[in-house]
Protein backbone atom coordinates (compact mmCIF):
# COMPACT_ATOMS: atom_id res chain seq x y z
CA MET A 1 0.02 0.12 -0.07
CA LEU A 2 2.79 2.49 0.58
CA ASP A 3 4.70 1.10 -2.60
CA HIS A 4 1.12 2.11 -3.91
CA LEU A 5 1.30 5.99 -2.54
CA LYS A 6 4.67 6.86 -3.72
CA GLN A 7 4.07 5.48 -7.11
CA TRP A 8 0.75 6.65 -7.92
CA ASP A 9 1.47 10.74 -9.98
CA GLY A 10 -2.24 10.92 -10.82
CA ASN A 11 -3.49 14.56 -10.80
CA ALA A 12 -6.94 16.12 -8.80
CA SER A 13 -9.59 17.50 -11.39
CA SER A 14 -9.17 21.19 -11.60
CA GLN A 15 -13.11 21.33 -11.53
CA TRP A 16 -14.16 21.40 -7.81
CA LYS A 17 -17.08 19.80 -7.88
CA ALA A 18 -15.62 16.66 -10.15
CA ARG A 19 -12.77 16.79 -7.31
CA ALA A 20 -14.95 16.51 -4.45
CA ASP A 21 -17.64 13.95 -5.94
CA LYS A 22 -14.38 11.80 -7.02
CA HIS A 23 -12.97 12.08 -3.61
CA GLN A 24 -16.31 11.25 -2.16
CA ALA A 25 -17.02 8.00 -3.73
CA ALA A 26 -13.74 6.84 -3.10
CA ILE A 27 -13.77 7.24 0.92
CA ASP A 28 -17.16 5.77 0.50
CA GLY A 29 -15.88 3.05 -0.97
CA GLY A 30 -13.70 1.09 1.48
CA ASP A 31 -10.72 0.23 -0.69
CA PRO A 32 -7.33 1.88 1.00
CA PHE A 33 -5.93 2.17 -2.52
CA GLU A 34 -8.64 4.74 -3.14
CA TYR A 35 -7.78 6.35 0.19
CA ALA A 36 -4.43 6.25 -1.14
CA LYS A 37 -4.83 7.87 -4.47
CA VAL A 38 -6.80 11.04 -2.56
CA VAL A 39 -3.92 11.56 0.59
CA LYS A 40 -1.09 11.41 -2.55
CA GLU A 41 -3.68 14.34 -5.08
CA LEU A 42 -4.53 16.53 -1.73
CA SER A 43 -1.19 16.26 -0.73
CA LYS A 44 -0.43 17.61 -3.75
CA MET A 45 -2.50 20.89 -3.58
CA GLU A 46 -2.00 21.62 0.14
CA ALA A 47 1.57 21.89 -1.14
CA GLU A 48 0.29 24.23 -3.89
CA GLY A 49 -2.17 26.15 -1.32
CA THR A 50 -4.90 25.59 -3.28
CA LEU A 51 -6.71 23.13 -1.30
CA ARG A 52 -10.58 24.48 -0.82
CA PRO A 53 -12.31 23.90 2.67
CA ARG A 54 -14.14 20.66 1.19
CA ASP A 55 -10.71 19.11 -0.11
CA LYS A 56 -9.36 20.02 2.89
CA ALA A 57 -11.96 17.43 4.84
CA HIS A 58 -11.64 14.88 2.68
CA LEU A 59 -8.10 15.16 2.55
CA ASN A 60 -8.19 14.50 6.41
CA GLN A 61 -10.63 11.52 5.97
CA ALA A 62 -8.98 9.79 3.70
CA LEU A 63 -5.65 9.89 5.51
CA ASP A 64 -7.69 8.95 9.24
CA SER A 65 -8.74 5.75 7.10
CA LEU A 66 -5.34 5.07 5.21
CA VAL A 67 -4.03 5.71 8.89
CA GLU A 68 -6.15 3.33 10.49
CA GLU A 69 -5.44 0.62 7.64
CA VAL A 70 -1.73 1.00 7.88
CA SER A 71 -1.56 1.05 11.65
CA ARG A 72 -3.58 -2.09 11.55
CA THR A 73 -1.45 -3.84 8.81
CA LEU A 74 2.08 -3.06 9.65
CA LYS A 75 0.94 -3.96 12.83
CA LYS A 76 2.06 -0.09 13.70
CA SER A 77 0.90 3.05 16.14
CA PRO A 78 -1.45 4.95 14.64
CA ASP A 79 1.67 8.03 14.87
CA GLN A 80 3.90 5.46 13.19
CA ALA A 81 1.26 4.31 10.71
CA ARG A 82 1.06 8.40 9.85
CA LYS A 83 4.75 8.97 9.47
CA LEU A 84 5.20 6.16 7.07
CA ILE A 85 2.12 6.97 5.17
CA CYS A 86 3.75 10.87 5.05
CA GLY A 87 7.24 9.77 4.02
CA ALA A 88 5.20 8.10 1.33
CA VAL A 89 3.44 10.63 0.31
CA ALA A 90 6.84 12.82 -0.15
CA ASP A 91 8.50 10.27 -1.99
């Protein structure tokens, strides 16, 4: 999952409504790989300073879900999982 996060190079839609709908569907779908895509796309936007409030909510929601998944899968604390995810996003 962390490798998927490192390698994902997709970009979020520039149209906020389409982007919000896509990210909400990914979060609702419950697939950790989709959470990873949302986190990566929105982290890029956050670094550029272009996040809207709904984007920020989706980033937090997807990140929390991904932290839970990585923590459970790798038997790490949530803080350790968050650090691993942040490291993967930065790569």
